[in-house]
């Protein structure tokens, strides 16, 4: 189970950062970079949110520490992914902000890793 969770987290991170430094690639316009970043952040959320939901369903099987990490991860990832989703919706028209991505990368992903490490 832990290996599957690590695989899912690794897959999400590799999707998020794939092609960040492609050698020989033509420079992109800022609007293109923002659009690419938005898509990658949405992919991370697509993996992270269901993972947290499945871990929440198994909450009773987790240690007290893991339950605490799960609550923190759910809060951090949920808030960041809500902002990412709202920025990407056609009604808002607002581009994703660096604060949204920073929250996902600096708060959400480490919290996810703690949940995986603390789970049995």
N, C-alpha and C. Protein backbone atom coordinates (compact mmCIF):
# COMPACT_ATOMS: atom_id res chain seq x y z
N UNK A 1 0.83 -1.18 0.00
CA UNK A 1 0.00 0.00 0.00
C UNK A 1 0.88 1.25 0.00
N UNK A 2 1.93 1.22 0.84
CA UNK A 2 2.81 2.37 0.93
C UNK A 2 3.54 2.59 -0.39
N UNK A 3 3.93 1.50 -1.05
CA UNK A 3 4.61 1.62 -2.34
C UNK A 3 3.68 2.23 -3.38
N UNK A 4 2.41 1.84 -3.34
CA UNK A 4 1.44 2.40 -4.28
C UNK A 4 1.26 3.89 -4.04
N UNK A 5 1.24 4.28 -2.79
CA UNK A 5 1.09 5.70 -2.45
C UNK A 5 2.31 6.50 -2.91
N UNK A 6 3.49 5.93 -2.67
CA UNK A 6 4.71 6.61 -3.12
C UNK A 6 4.75 6.72 -4.64
N UNK A 7 4.29 5.68 -5.31
CA UNK A 7 4.24 5.71 -6.76
C UNK A 7 3.29 6.80 -7.24
N UNK A 8 2.13 6.91 -6.60
CA UNK A 8 1.16 7.94 -6.99
C UNK A 8 1.73 9.34 -6.75
N UNK A 9 2.38 9.53 -5.61
CA UNK A 9 2.98 10.84 -5.33
C UNK A 9 4.10 11.15 -6.31
N UNK A 10 4.92 10.16 -6.59
CA UNK A 10 6.01 10.36 -7.56
C UNK A 10 5.49 10.65 -8.94
N UNK A 11 4.43 9.96 -9.33
CA UNK A 11 3.83 10.20 -10.64
C UNK A 11 3.29 11.62 -10.72
N UNK A 12 2.62 12.06 -9.67
CA UNK A 12 2.07 13.41 -9.65
C UNK A 12 3.17 14.46 -9.75
N UNK A 13 4.25 14.25 -9.00
CA UNK A 13 5.34 15.22 -9.05
C UNK A 13 6.06 15.20 -10.39
N UNK A 14 6.24 14.00 -10.96
CA UNK A 14 6.92 13.95 -12.25
C UNK A 14 6.09 14.60 -13.35
N UNK A 15 4.78 14.45 -13.27
CA UNK A 15 3.90 15.12 -14.24
C UNK A 15 4.00 16.63 -14.04
N UNK A 16 4.04 17.05 -12.78
CA UNK A 16 4.05 18.48 -12.49
C UNK A 16 5.31 19.16 -13.00
N UNK A 17 6.41 18.47 -12.93
CA UNK A 17 7.66 19.12 -13.27
C UNK A 17 8.30 18.59 -14.55
N UNK A 18 7.59 17.78 -15.30
CA UNK A 18 8.13 17.26 -16.56
C UNK A 18 8.32 18.40 -17.55
N UNK A 19 9.47 18.44 -18.13
CA UNK A 19 9.73 19.44 -19.16
C UNK A 19 10.05 20.81 -18.63
N UNK A 20 10.33 20.95 -17.33
CA UNK A 20 10.63 22.27 -16.79
C UNK A 20 11.93 22.83 -17.38
N UNK A 21 12.86 21.96 -17.67
CA UNK A 21 14.14 22.43 -18.20
C UNK A 21 14.51 21.61 -19.42
N UNK A 22 13.70 21.65 -20.43
CA UNK A 22 13.96 20.90 -21.64
C UNK A 22 15.12 21.55 -22.39
N UNK A 23 16.23 20.82 -22.60
CA UNK A 23 17.37 21.41 -23.30
C UNK A 23 17.04 21.68 -24.76
N UNK A 24 17.47 22.83 -25.22
CA UNK A 24 17.27 23.17 -26.62
C UNK A 24 15.87 23.66 -26.96
N UNK A 25 15.02 23.78 -25.97
CA UNK A 25 13.64 24.21 -26.24
C UNK A 25 13.62 25.72 -26.46
N UNK A 26 12.74 26.15 -27.33
CA UNK A 26 12.59 27.58 -27.59
C UNK A 26 11.97 28.25 -26.37
N UNK A 27 12.40 29.46 -26.06
CA UNK A 27 11.80 30.16 -24.92
C UNK A 27 10.32 30.41 -25.15
N UNK A 28 9.56 30.29 -24.06
CA UNK A 28 8.12 30.49 -24.15
C UNK A 28 7.75 31.89 -23.66
N UNK A 29 6.67 32.39 -24.18
CA UNK A 29 6.14 33.67 -23.72
C UNK A 29 5.58 33.47 -22.31
N UNK A 30 5.54 34.53 -21.50
CA UNK A 30 5.01 34.40 -20.14
C UNK A 30 3.61 33.80 -20.09
N UNK A 31 2.75 34.16 -21.03
CA UNK A 31 1.39 33.60 -21.03
C UNK A 31 1.42 32.09 -21.25
N UNK A 32 2.35 31.63 -22.10
CA UNK A 32 2.47 30.19 -22.34
C UNK A 32 2.98 29.48 -21.09
N UNK A 33 3.94 30.10 -20.40
CA UNK A 33 4.46 29.51 -19.18
C UNK A 33 3.38 29.39 -18.11
N UNK A 34 2.57 30.42 -17.97
CA UNK A 34 1.48 30.40 -16.98
C UNK A 34 0.48 29.32 -17.33
N UNK A 35 0.14 29.20 -18.61
CA UNK A 35 -0.82 28.17 -19.03
C UNK A 35 -0.26 26.77 -18.77
N UNK A 36 1.01 26.57 -19.05
CA UNK A 36 1.65 25.27 -18.81
C UNK A 36 1.67 24.96 -17.32
N UNK A 37 2.03 25.95 -16.52
CA UNK A 37 2.07 25.77 -15.07
C UNK A 37 0.69 25.44 -14.53
N UNK A 38 -0.32 26.08 -15.05
CA UNK A 38 -1.70 25.84 -14.62
C UNK A 38 -2.09 24.38 -14.90
N UNK A 39 -1.77 23.90 -16.09
CA UNK A 39 -2.12 22.53 -16.47
C UNK A 39 -1.39 21.54 -15.55
N UNK A 40 -0.12 21.80 -15.29
CA UNK A 40 0.65 20.89 -14.44
C UNK A 40 0.14 20.89 -13.00
N UNK A 41 -0.23 22.06 -12.50
CA UNK A 41 -0.79 22.14 -11.14
C UNK A 41 -2.11 21.40 -11.07
N UNK A 42 -2.92 21.52 -12.10
CA UNK A 42 -4.20 20.80 -12.12
C UNK A 42 -3.98 19.29 -12.14
N UNK A 43 -2.92 18.84 -12.82
CA UNK A 43 -2.61 17.41 -12.84
C UNK A 43 -2.20 16.92 -11.45
N UNK A 44 -1.41 17.73 -10.75
CA UNK A 44 -1.03 17.36 -9.37
C UNK A 44 -2.26 17.26 -8.50
N UNK A 45 -3.18 18.20 -8.66
CA UNK A 45 -4.42 18.17 -7.87
C UNK A 45 -5.27 16.97 -8.24
N UNK A 46 -5.27 16.60 -9.52
CA UNK A 46 -6.04 15.45 -9.98
C UNK A 46 -5.58 14.17 -9.31
N UNK A 47 -4.29 14.07 -8.99
CA UNK A 47 -3.75 12.90 -8.32
C UNK A 47 -3.90 13.03 -6.80
N UNK A 48 -3.62 14.21 -6.28
CA UNK A 48 -3.55 14.40 -4.83
C UNK A 48 -4.90 14.33 -4.13
N UNK A 49 -5.92 14.95 -4.71
CA UNK A 49 -7.23 15.00 -4.05
C UNK A 49 -7.85 13.60 -3.90
N UNK A 50 -7.87 12.76 -4.94
CA UNK A 50 -8.41 11.40 -4.73
C UNK A 50 -7.57 10.57 -3.75
N UNK A 51 -6.25 10.78 -3.78
CA UNK A 51 -5.38 10.07 -2.84
C UNK A 51 -5.77 10.43 -1.41
N UNK A 52 -5.97 11.72 -1.14
CA UNK A 52 -6.36 12.14 0.20
C UNK A 52 -7.73 11.61 0.59
N UNK A 53 -8.62 11.54 -0.38
CA UNK A 53 -9.95 10.99 -0.11
C UNK A 53 -9.87 9.52 0.27
N UNK A 54 -9.03 8.75 -0.43
CA UNK A 54 -8.89 7.33 -0.10
C UNK A 54 -8.21 7.14 1.25
N UNK A 55 -7.24 8.02 1.57
CA UNK A 55 -6.60 7.92 2.88
C UNK A 55 -7.58 8.30 3.99
N UNK A 56 -8.44 9.26 3.72
CA UNK A 56 -9.45 9.64 4.71
C UNK A 56 -10.42 8.49 4.98
N UNK A 57 -10.71 7.70 3.95
CA UNK A 57 -11.59 6.55 4.11
C UNK A 57 -10.94 5.49 5.00
N UNK A 58 -9.61 5.45 5.03
CA UNK A 58 -8.87 4.49 5.85
C UNK A 58 -8.36 5.11 7.15
N UNK A 59 -8.91 6.24 7.51
CA UNK A 59 -8.42 7.01 8.66
C UNK A 59 -8.32 6.18 9.94
N UNK A 60 -9.27 5.30 10.15
CA UNK A 60 -9.28 4.51 11.38
C UNK A 60 -8.09 3.55 11.46
N UNK A 61 -7.49 3.24 10.33
CA UNK A 61 -6.35 2.32 10.30
C UNK A 61 -5.02 3.04 10.46
N UNK A 62 -5.04 4.36 10.49
CA UNK A 62 -3.82 5.15 10.58
C UNK A 62 -3.47 5.45 12.03
N UNK A 63 -2.19 5.67 12.27
CA UNK A 63 -1.74 6.08 13.60
C UNK A 63 -2.23 7.49 13.88
N UNK A 64 -2.11 7.90 15.14
CA UNK A 64 -2.53 9.24 15.52
C UNK A 64 -1.71 10.29 14.78
N UNK A 65 -0.40 10.05 14.65
CA UNK A 65 0.46 10.98 13.90
C UNK A 65 0.01 11.08 12.45
N UNK A 66 -0.24 9.93 11.84
CA UNK A 66 -0.66 9.92 10.43
C UNK A 66 -1.99 10.62 10.25
N UNK A 67 -2.90 10.48 11.22
CA UNK A 67 -4.19 11.17 11.13
C UNK A 67 -3.99 12.68 11.20
N UNK A 68 -3.05 13.14 12.03
CA UNK A 68 -2.74 14.56 12.10
C UNK A 68 -2.15 15.07 10.80
N UNK A 69 -1.22 14.30 10.23
CA UNK A 69 -0.63 14.68 8.94
C UNK A 69 -1.69 14.69 7.84
N UNK A 70 -2.60 13.74 7.91
CA UNK A 70 -3.68 13.66 6.91
C UNK A 70 -4.56 14.90 6.98
N UNK A 71 -4.90 15.33 8.19
CA UNK A 71 -5.72 16.52 8.35
C UNK A 71 -5.00 17.75 7.80
N UNK A 72 -3.72 17.87 8.11
CA UNK A 72 -2.92 19.00 7.60
C UNK A 72 -2.83 18.95 6.09
N UNK A 73 -2.53 17.77 5.54
CA UNK A 73 -2.40 17.63 4.09
C UNK A 73 -3.72 17.94 3.40
N UNK A 74 -4.82 17.45 3.97
CA UNK A 74 -6.13 17.71 3.36
C UNK A 74 -6.43 19.20 3.33
N UNK A 75 -6.11 19.89 4.41
CA UNK A 75 -6.34 21.34 4.47
C UNK A 75 -5.48 22.08 3.45
N UNK A 76 -4.19 21.78 3.46
CA UNK A 76 -3.24 22.50 2.59
C UNK A 76 -3.50 22.21 1.12
N UNK A 77 -3.63 20.94 0.78
CA UNK A 77 -3.85 20.57 -0.63
C UNK A 77 -5.22 21.04 -1.08
N UNK A 78 -6.22 20.89 -0.22
CA UNK A 78 -7.56 21.33 -0.58
C UNK A 78 -7.61 22.82 -0.87
N UNK A 79 -6.98 23.61 -0.01
CA UNK A 79 -6.98 25.07 -0.23
C UNK A 79 -6.22 25.44 -1.49
N UNK A 80 -5.05 24.84 -1.69
CA UNK A 80 -4.25 25.16 -2.88
C UNK A 80 -4.97 24.71 -4.15
N UNK A 81 -5.54 23.51 -4.14
CA UNK A 81 -6.22 23.00 -5.33
C UNK A 81 -7.49 23.77 -5.64
N UNK A 82 -8.16 24.27 -4.60
CA UNK A 82 -9.34 25.10 -4.83
C UNK A 82 -8.93 26.39 -5.55
N UNK A 83 -7.83 26.98 -5.11
CA UNK A 83 -7.34 28.20 -5.77
C UNK A 83 -6.90 27.92 -7.20
N UNK A 84 -6.24 26.79 -7.40
CA UNK A 84 -5.80 26.41 -8.75
C UNK A 84 -7.01 26.19 -9.64
N UNK A 85 -8.02 25.50 -9.11
CA UNK A 85 -9.24 25.24 -9.89
C UNK A 85 -9.98 26.53 -10.22
N UNK A 86 -10.08 27.42 -9.24
CA UNK A 86 -10.77 28.69 -9.47
C UNK A 86 -10.03 29.54 -10.49
N UNK A 87 -8.70 29.52 -10.45
CA UNK A 87 -7.91 30.30 -11.41
C UNK A 87 -8.07 29.74 -12.82
N UNK A 88 -8.32 28.43 -12.91
CA UNK A 88 -8.44 27.81 -14.22
C UNK A 88 -9.85 27.80 -14.77
N UNK A 89 -10.83 28.19 -13.95
CA UNK A 89 -12.21 28.14 -14.44
C UNK A 89 -12.43 29.23 -15.48
N UNK A 90 -13.31 28.96 -16.39
CA UNK A 90 -13.57 29.91 -17.46
C UNK A 90 -14.29 31.15 -16.97
N UNK A 91 -14.96 31.06 -15.81
CA UNK A 91 -15.71 32.22 -15.32
C UNK A 91 -14.82 33.23 -14.62
N UNK A 92 -13.73 32.76 -13.99
CA UNK A 92 -12.90 33.71 -13.25
C UNK A 92 -11.99 34.51 -14.18
N UNK A 93 -11.42 33.84 -15.17
CA UNK A 93 -10.54 34.52 -16.10
C UNK A 93 -9.21 34.92 -15.51
N UNK A 94 -9.03 34.75 -14.21
CA UNK A 94 -7.77 35.12 -13.56
C UNK A 94 -6.75 34.01 -13.75
N UNK A 95 -5.52 34.35 -14.09
CA UNK A 95 -4.50 33.31 -14.23
C UNK A 95 -4.08 32.80 -12.85
N UNK A 96 -3.45 31.67 -12.87
CA UNK A 96 -2.95 31.10 -11.63
C UNK A 96 -1.85 32.00 -11.08
N UNK A 97 -1.75 32.09 -9.78
CA UNK A 97 -0.73 32.94 -9.18
C UNK A 97 0.41 32.10 -8.64
N UNK A 98 1.56 32.74 -8.46
CA UNK A 98 2.69 32.02 -7.88
C UNK A 98 2.40 31.64 -6.44
N UNK A 99 1.55 32.39 -5.76
CA UNK A 99 1.18 32.04 -4.38
C UNK A 99 0.43 30.71 -4.35
N UNK A 100 -0.45 30.48 -5.33
CA UNK A 100 -1.19 29.22 -5.40
C UNK A 100 -0.24 28.05 -5.60
N UNK A 101 0.70 28.20 -6.52
CA UNK A 101 1.66 27.13 -6.79
C UNK A 101 2.58 26.95 -5.61
N UNK A 102 3.04 28.04 -5.00
CA UNK A 102 3.90 27.94 -3.83
C UNK A 102 3.21 27.19 -2.70
N UNK A 103 1.94 27.47 -2.48
CA UNK A 103 1.19 26.78 -1.43
C UNK A 103 1.11 25.28 -1.71
N UNK A 104 0.89 24.93 -2.97
CA UNK A 104 0.80 23.53 -3.33
C UNK A 104 2.14 22.83 -3.17
N UNK A 105 3.20 23.45 -3.65
CA UNK A 105 4.53 22.83 -3.62
C UNK A 105 5.16 22.88 -2.23
N UNK A 106 5.08 24.03 -1.56
CA UNK A 106 5.76 24.19 -0.27
C UNK A 106 4.99 23.64 0.92
N UNK A 107 3.67 23.62 0.83
CA UNK A 107 2.85 23.14 1.95
C UNK A 107 2.18 21.81 1.66
N UNK A 108 1.54 21.72 0.50
CA UNK A 108 0.75 20.54 0.17
C UNK A 108 1.56 19.28 -0.05
N UNK A 109 2.58 19.35 -0.89
CA UNK A 109 3.37 18.16 -1.22
C UNK A 109 4.12 17.63 0.00
N UNK A 110 4.80 18.45 0.81
CA UNK A 110 5.43 17.90 2.02
C UNK A 110 4.43 17.26 2.98
N UNK A 111 3.24 17.83 3.06
CA UNK A 111 2.21 17.23 3.92
C UNK A 111 1.80 15.86 3.39
N UNK A 112 1.68 15.75 2.06
CA UNK A 112 1.37 14.45 1.46
C UNK A 112 2.46 13.42 1.76
N UNK A 113 3.70 13.85 1.66
CA UNK A 113 4.82 12.94 1.92
C UNK A 113 4.80 12.46 3.37
N UNK A 114 4.46 13.34 4.32
CA UNK A 114 4.37 12.95 5.72
C UNK A 114 3.26 11.92 5.93
N UNK A 115 2.14 12.09 5.22
CA UNK A 115 1.05 11.10 5.34
C UNK A 115 1.53 9.75 4.85
N UNK A 116 2.22 9.73 3.71
CA UNK A 116 2.70 8.47 3.15
C UNK A 116 3.72 7.83 4.08
N UNK A 117 4.65 8.63 4.61
CA UNK A 117 5.67 8.08 5.52
C UNK A 117 5.07 7.54 6.81
N UNK A 118 4.05 8.21 7.31
CA UNK A 118 3.46 7.80 8.60
C UNK A 118 2.47 6.66 8.47
N UNK A 119 2.02 6.37 7.24
CA UNK A 119 1.05 5.29 7.07
C UNK A 119 1.75 3.95 7.14
N UNK A 120 1.00 2.94 7.53
CA UNK A 120 1.56 1.61 7.68
C UNK A 120 1.79 0.98 6.42
